[in-house]
Every structure is written in structure tokens, then in C-alpha cells.
Amino acid sequence: MPKTNEKDAYFFSHDCNARNDPKILALRSVYGAEGYGVYFMLVEILREQPEYRLSVNKYIWNTLAMQMQVEASRLEQIITDCCTEFAENGSTLLVNDGEYLYSASLLRRMGKVDDISNLRREAAQKRWKNQPCKADDGSGASTSNANAEQTDANKRKAKQSKEKQ
């Protein structure tokens, strides 16, 4: 499941030479910088969505057009062409399967990011689960090493503050 927290929402892999990809060149040859901008704004919007896909409904073109400040009919044509015209080896820039609009490339790239994130989360949980507790008062509540160290640091700061006075 994709995350869209503040820290994570800003990242997706983007090739620095994407403007020279044959599919992007075809897009640019027809729509210029406007088409390029629409395409990448849509990829950014897709990145923020659950499962990195947008539900296709009767309002999708107006909604996207409002966000991108482009005429809805123009936006629909650009995106439709991204789904049908700008292709290489059977792969198009975007996919509209009638239910969802998405980028297969973004799904592939974010799948890798999500896999790495999940592995790191599992490793961290395993470390925390196996972390010995510094103190246990018998009540079932334990004080971790980090909490004890923070308390010690707070005591040192308070002592230093009193010494300065």
C-alpha cells in the first residue's frame, strides 16, 4: 500500500533525460511543452493516489483540467493520446483501462520503492521487538534504553543550567 505522508509524498524516480525518451519526444512533437507539463503533472498526481491510479469517472477531465489550468477538452486529448498514440514496443506513456488511469512506468518504479520501504519497516520492527529493556518495574511497563538516555540528558541539561546561574 503506498504511503503519502509528508516526507514520502515528494519522491518518485524520474529520469533526468526523460525529455528525450521516444514516447516523450512524440508527445512533445504534437503538444510541445504544454503536453510535457500535462504529462508530468499527471504523473505527480498519480504518485499521490492510493495504488498510484486515478479512478476514471465523468468528472476526471474537468477535475484534472482545473488542477492543471488547461481546457478540459485539450487535457482529455493530450491524455488520450498518451494512452493510445505515443507508444514504443507496445508500451504507451499512460494506460486508461476504462476503470483507472495510470502509468505502468510509475507503478513499476513505485513498486520497487514500496518493496524496499516494507523490507526496512519489517527489519526495524524486528529490531525493536528483540531490543532488550533497560528496566522493568514489574508493572508491565518497561523503560527503553532510549527513554532512559533521554532522561539522563535532560538531567544533565538541568544541572548545567543551574550551574550557569
N, C-alpha and C. Protein backbone atom coordinates (compact mmCIF):
# COMPACT_ATOMS: atom_id res chain seq x y z
N MET A 1 0.84 -1.18 0.00
CA MET A 1 0.00 0.00 0.00
C MET A 1 0.88 1.24 0.00
N PRO A 2 0.70 2.13 -0.92
CA PRO A 2 1.56 3.31 -0.98
C PRO A 2 1.33 4.24 0.19
N LYS A 3 2.39 4.93 0.53
CA LYS A 3 2.31 5.92 1.58
C LYS A 3 2.30 7.29 0.93
N THR A 4 1.58 8.20 1.54
CA THR A 4 1.60 9.57 1.05
C THR A 4 1.77 10.54 2.21
N ASN A 5 2.60 10.13 3.18
CA ASN A 5 2.86 11.07 4.27
C ASN A 5 3.71 12.21 3.73
N GLU A 6 3.86 13.26 4.51
CA GLU A 6 4.53 14.46 4.04
C GLU A 6 5.93 14.19 3.53
N LYS A 7 6.71 13.41 4.24
CA LYS A 7 8.08 13.13 3.83
C LYS A 7 8.11 12.31 2.54
N ASP A 8 7.28 11.30 2.45
CA ASP A 8 7.31 10.35 1.35
C ASP A 8 6.64 10.89 0.09
N ALA A 9 5.67 11.77 0.23
CA ALA A 9 4.86 12.20 -0.90
C ALA A 9 5.66 12.96 -1.95
N TYR A 10 6.85 13.40 -1.62
CA TYR A 10 7.60 14.20 -2.57
C TYR A 10 8.45 13.37 -3.52
N PHE A 11 8.58 12.08 -3.31
CA PHE A 11 9.53 11.29 -4.08
C PHE A 11 8.86 10.41 -5.12
N PHE A 12 9.41 10.43 -6.31
CA PHE A 12 9.26 9.36 -7.27
C PHE A 12 10.44 9.42 -8.21
N SER A 13 10.86 8.28 -8.70
CA SER A 13 12.02 8.21 -9.57
C SER A 13 11.67 8.86 -10.91
N HIS A 14 12.55 9.72 -11.39
CA HIS A 14 12.34 10.45 -12.64
C HIS A 14 13.67 10.54 -13.37
N ASP A 15 13.71 10.05 -14.58
CA ASP A 15 14.95 10.10 -15.36
C ASP A 15 15.24 11.54 -15.76
N CYS A 16 16.49 11.96 -15.57
CA CYS A 16 16.84 13.35 -15.89
C CYS A 16 16.81 13.62 -17.39
N ASN A 17 16.80 12.59 -18.20
CA ASN A 17 16.73 12.78 -19.65
C ASN A 17 15.39 12.30 -20.23
N ALA A 18 14.36 12.33 -19.40
CA ALA A 18 13.04 11.86 -19.85
C ALA A 18 12.56 12.62 -21.08
N ARG A 19 12.95 13.87 -21.21
CA ARG A 19 12.51 14.68 -22.35
C ARG A 19 12.96 14.09 -23.68
N ASN A 20 13.97 13.20 -23.65
CA ASN A 20 14.49 12.60 -24.87
C ASN A 20 14.00 11.18 -25.12
N ASP A 21 13.13 10.66 -24.24
CA ASP A 21 12.53 9.35 -24.45
C ASP A 21 11.70 9.40 -25.73
N PRO A 22 11.74 8.38 -26.59
CA PRO A 22 10.99 8.42 -27.85
C PRO A 22 9.49 8.71 -27.69
N LYS A 23 8.87 8.17 -26.65
CA LYS A 23 7.44 8.43 -26.42
C LYS A 23 7.22 9.88 -26.01
N ILE A 24 8.10 10.40 -25.19
CA ILE A 24 8.01 11.80 -24.77
C ILE A 24 8.29 12.73 -25.95
N LEU A 25 9.26 12.36 -26.79
CA LEU A 25 9.54 13.17 -27.97
C LEU A 25 8.31 13.23 -28.88
N ALA A 26 7.62 12.12 -29.03
CA ALA A 26 6.39 12.11 -29.84
C ALA A 26 5.34 13.04 -29.21
N LEU A 27 5.18 12.95 -27.90
CA LEU A 27 4.26 13.83 -27.18
C LEU A 27 4.64 15.29 -27.40
N ARG A 28 5.90 15.61 -27.24
CA ARG A 28 6.37 16.99 -27.40
C ARG A 28 6.23 17.47 -28.84
N SER A 29 6.39 16.56 -29.80
CA SER A 29 6.29 16.98 -31.20
C SER A 29 4.88 17.42 -31.56
N VAL A 30 3.89 16.90 -30.86
CA VAL A 30 2.49 17.26 -31.12
C VAL A 30 2.03 18.38 -30.19
N TYR A 31 2.33 18.28 -28.90
CA TYR A 31 1.77 19.21 -27.91
C TYR A 31 2.78 20.17 -27.29
N GLY A 32 4.05 20.02 -27.63
CA GLY A 32 5.06 20.93 -27.10
C GLY A 32 5.21 20.81 -25.59
N ALA A 33 5.67 21.92 -25.00
CA ALA A 33 5.88 21.95 -23.56
C ALA A 33 4.58 21.77 -22.79
N GLU A 34 3.46 22.19 -23.37
CA GLU A 34 2.17 22.01 -22.70
C GLU A 34 1.89 20.53 -22.48
N GLY A 35 2.11 19.71 -23.48
CA GLY A 35 1.89 18.28 -23.35
C GLY A 35 2.83 17.65 -22.34
N TYR A 36 4.08 18.08 -22.38
CA TYR A 36 5.09 17.58 -21.44
C TYR A 36 4.69 17.94 -20.01
N GLY A 37 4.25 19.18 -19.82
CA GLY A 37 3.82 19.63 -18.50
C GLY A 37 2.60 18.87 -18.01
N VAL A 38 1.62 18.68 -18.89
CA VAL A 38 0.41 17.93 -18.51
C VAL A 38 0.78 16.51 -18.11
N TYR A 39 1.64 15.88 -18.91
CA TYR A 39 2.03 14.51 -18.62
C TYR A 39 2.69 14.40 -17.25
N PHE A 40 3.67 15.24 -16.97
CA PHE A 40 4.37 15.11 -15.70
C PHE A 40 3.54 15.61 -14.52
N MET A 41 2.67 16.57 -14.71
CA MET A 41 1.75 16.93 -13.61
C MET A 41 0.85 15.75 -13.30
N LEU A 42 0.39 15.06 -14.33
CA LEU A 42 -0.46 13.90 -14.10
C LEU A 42 0.31 12.80 -13.38
N VAL A 43 1.57 12.57 -13.76
CA VAL A 43 2.38 11.56 -13.06
C VAL A 43 2.53 11.94 -11.59
N GLU A 44 2.73 13.23 -11.30
CA GLU A 44 2.82 13.67 -9.91
C GLU A 44 1.49 13.44 -9.18
N ILE A 45 0.39 13.72 -9.83
CA ILE A 45 -0.93 13.49 -9.23
C ILE A 45 -1.13 12.00 -8.98
N LEU A 46 -0.75 11.18 -9.94
CA LEU A 46 -0.86 9.72 -9.78
C LEU A 46 -0.02 9.24 -8.60
N ARG A 47 1.14 9.83 -8.43
CA ARG A 47 2.03 9.45 -7.34
C ARG A 47 1.37 9.65 -5.98
N GLU A 48 0.50 10.63 -5.89
CA GLU A 48 -0.17 10.93 -4.62
C GLU A 48 -1.39 10.06 -4.35
N GLN A 49 -1.81 9.28 -5.33
CA GLN A 49 -3.03 8.50 -5.19
C GLN A 49 -2.79 7.13 -4.55
N PRO A 50 -3.79 6.61 -3.85
CA PRO A 50 -3.69 5.23 -3.37
C PRO A 50 -3.53 4.31 -4.57
N GLU A 51 -2.58 3.42 -4.49
CA GLU A 51 -2.28 2.48 -5.57
C GLU A 51 -1.78 3.16 -6.83
N TYR A 52 -1.49 4.47 -6.75
CA TYR A 52 -0.91 5.24 -7.85
C TYR A 52 -1.78 5.24 -9.11
N ARG A 53 -3.09 5.23 -8.92
CA ARG A 53 -4.03 5.23 -10.04
C ARG A 53 -5.17 6.18 -9.74
N LEU A 54 -5.76 6.73 -10.81
CA LEU A 54 -6.94 7.58 -10.68
C LEU A 54 -8.15 6.84 -11.21
N SER A 55 -9.23 6.91 -10.49
CA SER A 55 -10.48 6.32 -10.95
C SER A 55 -11.02 7.16 -12.10
N VAL A 56 -11.37 6.50 -13.19
CA VAL A 56 -11.93 7.19 -14.35
C VAL A 56 -13.43 7.35 -14.11
N ASN A 57 -13.87 8.61 -14.07
CA ASN A 57 -15.29 8.90 -13.91
C ASN A 57 -15.64 10.07 -14.80
N LYS A 58 -16.88 10.47 -14.81
CA LYS A 58 -17.30 11.51 -15.75
C LYS A 58 -16.72 12.88 -15.43
N TYR A 59 -16.17 13.06 -14.24
CA TYR A 59 -15.60 14.36 -13.86
C TYR A 59 -14.08 14.41 -13.96
N ILE A 60 -13.45 13.34 -14.33
CA ILE A 60 -11.98 13.28 -14.27
C ILE A 60 -11.33 14.38 -15.10
N TRP A 61 -11.82 14.63 -16.32
CA TRP A 61 -11.16 15.62 -17.19
C TRP A 61 -11.32 17.04 -16.62
N ASN A 62 -12.50 17.35 -16.11
CA ASN A 62 -12.72 18.67 -15.52
C ASN A 62 -11.88 18.87 -14.25
N THR A 63 -11.80 17.81 -13.45
CA THR A 63 -11.03 17.88 -12.21
C THR A 63 -9.55 18.10 -12.50
N LEU A 64 -9.02 17.31 -13.42
CA LEU A 64 -7.61 17.45 -13.78
C LEU A 64 -7.34 18.78 -14.46
N ALA A 65 -8.25 19.18 -15.35
CA ALA A 65 -8.09 20.45 -16.07
C ALA A 65 -8.04 21.62 -15.09
N MET A 66 -8.87 21.57 -14.07
CA MET A 66 -8.89 22.63 -13.07
C MET A 66 -7.54 22.69 -12.35
N GLN A 67 -7.01 21.53 -11.97
CA GLN A 67 -5.73 21.48 -11.26
C GLN A 67 -4.58 21.97 -12.13
N MET A 68 -4.65 21.67 -13.42
CA MET A 68 -3.54 21.97 -14.33
C MET A 68 -3.72 23.27 -15.11
N GLN A 69 -4.87 23.89 -14.92
CA GLN A 69 -5.18 25.14 -15.62
C GLN A 69 -5.07 24.98 -17.14
N VAL A 70 -5.73 23.94 -17.64
CA VAL A 70 -5.78 23.62 -19.06
C VAL A 70 -7.24 23.39 -19.41
N GLU A 71 -7.63 23.71 -20.63
CA GLU A 71 -9.00 23.43 -21.08
C GLU A 71 -9.26 21.92 -20.96
N ALA A 72 -10.42 21.53 -20.46
CA ALA A 72 -10.74 20.12 -20.24
C ALA A 72 -10.65 19.31 -21.53
N SER A 73 -11.16 19.86 -22.64
CA SER A 73 -11.12 19.11 -23.90
C SER A 73 -9.68 18.93 -24.38
N ARG A 74 -8.84 19.94 -24.18
CA ARG A 74 -7.43 19.85 -24.57
C ARG A 74 -6.72 18.82 -23.71
N LEU A 75 -6.95 18.86 -22.41
CA LEU A 75 -6.35 17.90 -21.50
C LEU A 75 -6.77 16.48 -21.85
N GLU A 76 -8.05 16.29 -22.10
CA GLU A 76 -8.54 14.95 -22.46
C GLU A 76 -7.85 14.43 -23.71
N GLN A 77 -7.65 15.29 -24.69
CA GLN A 77 -6.99 14.87 -25.93
C GLN A 77 -5.54 14.50 -25.68
N ILE A 78 -4.84 15.31 -24.90
CA ILE A 78 -3.43 15.01 -24.59
C ILE A 78 -3.31 13.67 -23.88
N ILE A 79 -4.14 13.48 -22.86
CA ILE A 79 -4.06 12.24 -22.08
C ILE A 79 -4.51 11.04 -22.91
N THR A 80 -5.53 11.21 -23.73
CA THR A 80 -5.98 10.12 -24.60
C THR A 80 -4.85 9.72 -25.55
N ASP A 81 -4.17 10.71 -26.12
CA ASP A 81 -3.04 10.40 -27.00
C ASP A 81 -1.90 9.73 -26.23
N CYS A 82 -1.71 10.10 -24.98
CA CYS A 82 -0.69 9.43 -24.15
C CYS A 82 -1.05 7.96 -23.92
N CYS A 83 -2.33 7.66 -23.98
CA CYS A 83 -2.81 6.29 -23.77
C CYS A 83 -2.86 5.48 -25.06
N THR A 84 -2.87 6.15 -26.20
CA THR A 84 -3.09 5.44 -27.47
C THR A 84 -2.03 5.68 -28.53
N GLU A 85 -1.52 6.88 -28.62
CA GLU A 85 -0.66 7.26 -29.75
C GLU A 85 0.83 7.18 -29.47
N PHE A 86 1.23 7.63 -28.32
CA PHE A 86 2.65 7.76 -28.03
C PHE A 86 3.15 6.46 -27.41
N ALA A 87 3.57 5.55 -28.27
CA ALA A 87 3.92 4.19 -27.84
C ALA A 87 5.25 3.76 -28.44
N GLU A 88 5.87 2.83 -27.78
CA GLU A 88 7.07 2.18 -28.29
C GLU A 88 7.08 0.75 -27.78
N ASN A 89 7.26 -0.19 -28.66
CA ASN A 89 7.27 -1.62 -28.31
C ASN A 89 6.01 -2.02 -27.56
N GLY A 90 4.88 -1.46 -27.96
CA GLY A 90 3.59 -1.81 -27.35
C GLY A 90 3.32 -1.14 -26.02
N SER A 91 4.23 -0.31 -25.55
CA SER A 91 4.08 0.36 -24.26
C SER A 91 3.76 1.83 -24.50
N THR A 92 2.68 2.32 -23.89
CA THR A 92 2.28 3.71 -24.01
C THR A 92 2.70 4.49 -22.77
N LEU A 93 2.66 5.81 -22.88
CA LEU A 93 3.01 6.65 -21.74
C LEU A 93 2.05 6.44 -20.57
N LEU A 94 0.76 6.34 -20.87
CA LEU A 94 -0.28 6.16 -19.85
C LEU A 94 -1.21 5.03 -20.26
N VAL A 95 -1.96 4.55 -19.30
CA VAL A 95 -2.95 3.49 -19.55
C VAL A 95 -4.29 3.95 -18.99
N ASN A 96 -5.33 3.82 -19.81
CA ASN A 96 -6.71 4.03 -19.36
C ASN A 96 -7.43 2.73 -19.66
N ASP A 97 -7.68 1.94 -18.63
CA ASP A 97 -8.33 0.64 -18.82
C ASP A 97 -9.85 0.74 -18.69
N GLY A 98 -10.37 1.96 -18.67
CA GLY A 98 -11.80 2.18 -18.53
C GLY A 98 -12.23 2.35 -17.09
N GLU A 99 -11.45 1.79 -16.19
CA GLU A 99 -11.74 1.92 -14.76
C GLU A 99 -10.74 2.85 -14.08
N TYR A 100 -9.46 2.72 -14.48
CA TYR A 100 -8.41 3.52 -13.89
C TYR A 100 -7.50 4.12 -14.95
N LEU A 101 -6.92 5.26 -14.59
CA LEU A 101 -5.90 5.91 -15.39
C LEU A 101 -4.60 5.78 -14.60
N TYR A 102 -3.54 5.29 -15.24
CA TYR A 102 -2.29 5.10 -14.53
C TYR A 102 -1.11 5.08 -15.49
N SER A 103 0.07 5.11 -14.91
CA SER A 103 1.32 4.99 -15.66
C SER A 103 1.96 3.67 -15.25
N ALA A 104 2.15 2.78 -16.22
CA ALA A 104 2.78 1.49 -15.92
C ALA A 104 4.20 1.71 -15.42
N SER A 105 4.88 2.71 -15.95
CA SER A 105 6.24 3.02 -15.51
C SER A 105 6.25 3.46 -14.04
N LEU A 106 5.31 4.32 -13.67
CA LEU A 106 5.23 4.76 -12.27
C LEU A 106 4.90 3.59 -11.37
N LEU A 107 3.99 2.72 -11.78
CA LEU A 107 3.65 1.55 -10.96
C LEU A 107 4.89 0.68 -10.73
N ARG A 108 5.66 0.48 -11.78
CA ARG A 108 6.87 -0.34 -11.68
C ARG A 108 7.89 0.32 -10.74
N ARG A 109 8.12 1.60 -10.93
CA ARG A 109 9.11 2.31 -10.11
C ARG A 109 8.69 2.38 -8.65
N MET A 110 7.42 2.71 -8.41
CA MET A 110 6.95 2.82 -7.03
C MET A 110 6.83 1.44 -6.37
N GLY A 111 6.61 0.40 -7.15
CA GLY A 111 6.61 -0.95 -6.61
C GLY A 111 7.95 -1.27 -5.96
N LYS A 112 9.03 -0.86 -6.62
CA LYS A 112 10.37 -1.07 -6.07
C LYS A 112 10.56 -0.26 -4.78
N VAL A 113 10.13 0.99 -4.80
CA VAL A 113 10.25 1.85 -3.62
C VAL A 113 9.44 1.26 -2.46
N ASP A 114 8.21 0.84 -2.75
CA ASP A 114 7.36 0.26 -1.71
C ASP A 114 7.96 -1.03 -1.15
N ASP A 115 8.54 -1.87 -2.02
CA ASP A 115 9.16 -3.11 -1.56
C ASP A 115 10.31 -2.82 -0.60
N ILE A 116 11.17 -1.87 -0.96
CA ILE A 116 12.30 -1.51 -0.10
C ILE A 116 11.79 -0.94 1.22
N SER A 117 10.79 -0.08 1.16
CA SER A 117 10.22 0.51 2.37
C SER A 117 9.65 -0.57 3.28
N ASN A 118 8.94 -1.52 2.70
CA ASN A 118 8.36 -2.60 3.50
C ASN A 118 9.45 -3.46 4.15
N LEU A 119 10.51 -3.76 3.41
CA LEU A 119 11.61 -4.55 3.98
C LEU A 119 12.27 -3.80 5.13
N ARG A 120 12.47 -2.50 4.96
CA ARG A 120 13.08 -1.70 6.03
C ARG A 120 12.17 -1.61 7.25
N ARG A 121 10.87 -1.47 7.02
CA ARG A 121 9.91 -1.41 8.13
C ARG A 121 9.93 -2.72 8.90
N GLU A 122 9.92 -3.84 8.17
CA GLU A 122 9.94 -5.15 8.83
C GLU A 122 11.22 -5.35 9.63
N ALA A 123 12.36 -4.92 9.08
CA ALA A 123 13.63 -5.05 9.78
C ALA A 123 13.63 -4.20 11.05
N ALA A 124 13.09 -2.98 10.96
CA ALA A 124 13.03 -2.10 12.14
C ALA A 124 12.13 -2.70 13.20
N GLN A 125 10.98 -3.24 12.79
CA GLN A 125 10.07 -3.85 13.76
C GLN A 125 10.73 -5.05 14.43
N LYS A 126 11.47 -5.81 13.65
CA LYS A 126 12.15 -6.97 14.22
C LYS A 126 13.21 -6.53 15.23
N ARG A 127 13.96 -5.45 14.88
CA ARG A 127 14.96 -4.94 15.83
C ARG A 127 14.31 -4.47 17.12
N TRP A 128 13.21 -3.70 16.99
CA TRP A 128 12.54 -3.18 18.19
C TRP A 128 11.95 -4.31 19.02
N LYS A 129 11.46 -5.32 18.36
CA LYS A 129 10.86 -6.45 19.07
C LYS A 129 11.92 -7.20 19.88
N ASN A 130 13.12 -7.27 19.35
CA ASN A 130 14.20 -8.01 20.01
C ASN A 130 15.06 -7.13 20.90
N GLN A 131 14.75 -5.85 21.02
CA GLN A 131 15.53 -4.89 21.82
C GLN A 131 15.32 -5.19 23.29
N PRO A 132 16.38 -5.44 24.04
CA PRO A 132 16.21 -5.67 25.48
C PRO A 132 15.83 -4.37 26.19
N CYS A 133 15.04 -4.52 27.24
CA CYS A 133 14.62 -3.36 28.02
C CYS A 133 15.65 -3.10 29.10
N LYS A 134 15.86 -1.82 29.41
CA LYS A 134 16.85 -1.45 30.42
C LYS A 134 16.31 -1.70 31.84
N ALA A 135 15.03 -1.40 32.01
CA ALA A 135 14.46 -1.56 33.36
C ALA A 135 13.03 -2.04 33.26
N ASP A 136 12.63 -2.85 34.19
CA ASP A 136 11.25 -3.30 34.26
C ASP A 136 10.86 -3.25 35.72
N ASP A 137 9.85 -2.44 36.01
CA ASP A 137 9.46 -2.26 37.41
C ASP A 137 8.46 -3.31 37.87
N GLY A 138 8.17 -4.31 37.02
CA GLY A 138 7.26 -5.36 37.41
C GLY A 138 5.81 -5.05 37.11
N SER A 139 5.52 -3.82 36.73
CA SER A 139 4.13 -3.44 36.46
C SER A 139 3.72 -3.72 35.02
N GLY A 140 4.66 -4.25 34.24
CA GLY A 140 4.36 -4.49 32.83
C GLY A 140 4.79 -3.34 31.94
N ALA A 141 5.13 -2.21 32.55
CA ALA A 141 5.60 -1.06 31.78
C ALA A 141 7.11 -1.05 31.83
N SER A 142 7.75 -1.00 30.69
CA SER A 142 9.21 -1.02 30.62
C SER A 142 9.73 0.32 30.18
N THR A 143 10.93 0.60 30.61
CA THR A 143 11.60 1.82 30.18
C THR A 143 12.67 1.41 29.19
N SER A 144 12.61 1.92 27.99
CA SER A 144 13.59 1.54 26.98
C SER A 144 14.90 2.28 27.20
N ASN A 145 15.94 1.81 26.55
CA ASN A 145 17.24 2.48 26.61
C ASN A 145 17.13 3.91 26.13
N ALA A 146 16.38 4.14 25.08
CA ALA A 146 16.25 5.49 24.53
C ALA A 146 15.59 6.43 25.53
N ASN A 147 14.56 5.96 26.22
CA ASN A 147 13.89 6.80 27.22
C ASN A 147 14.81 7.11 28.38
N ALA A 148 15.56 6.12 28.81
CA ALA A 148 16.49 6.32 29.93
C ALA A 148 17.58 7.30 29.53
N GLU A 149 18.11 7.16 28.34
CA GLU A 149 19.15 8.07 27.86
C GLU A 149 18.61 9.49 27.75
N GLN A 150 17.37 9.65 27.30
CA GLN A 150 16.77 10.97 27.18
C GLN A 150 16.60 11.60 28.56
N THR A 151 16.18 10.81 29.53
CA THR A 151 16.03 11.30 30.90
C THR A 151 17.38 11.76 31.44
N ASP A 152 18.43 10.96 31.23
CA ASP A 152 19.77 11.33 31.67
C ASP A 152 20.22 12.63 31.02
N ALA A 153 19.95 12.78 29.73
CA ALA A 153 20.33 14.00 29.00
C ALA A 153 19.59 15.20 29.56
N ASN A 154 18.31 15.04 29.87
CA ASN A 154 17.52 16.13 30.45
C ASN A 154 18.07 16.53 31.82
N LYS A 155 18.48 15.56 32.62
CA LYS A 155 19.04 15.85 33.94
C LYS A 155 20.35 16.62 33.81
N ARG A 156 21.20 16.22 32.84
CA ARG A 156 22.47 16.92 32.63
C ARG A 156 22.23 18.37 32.21
N LYS A 157 21.26 18.59 31.32
CA LYS A 157 20.95 19.94 30.87
C LYS A 157 20.46 20.80 32.03
N ALA A 158 19.60 20.24 32.87
CA ALA A 158 19.09 20.98 34.03
C ALA A 158 20.21 21.34 34.99
N LYS A 159 21.13 20.41 35.22
CA LYS A 159 22.27 20.65 36.11
C LYS A 159 23.17 21.74 35.55
N GLN A 160 23.44 21.68 34.22
CA GLN A 160 24.28 22.69 33.59
C GLN A 160 23.62 24.07 33.66
N SER A 161 22.32 24.11 33.51
CA SER A 161 21.58 25.35 33.57
C SER A 161 21.67 25.97 34.96
N LYS A 162 21.56 25.15 36.01
CA LYS A 162 21.66 25.63 37.40
C LYS A 162 23.08 26.13 37.69
N GLU A 163 24.09 25.44 37.14
CA GLU A 163 25.47 25.84 37.38
C GLU A 163 25.76 27.20 36.76
N LYS A 164 25.15 27.52 35.64
CA LYS A 164 25.38 28.80 34.97
C LYS A 164 24.76 29.96 35.74
N GLN A 165 23.75 29.69 36.56
CA GLN A 165 23.06 30.75 37.30
C GLN A 165 23.81 31.18 38.48
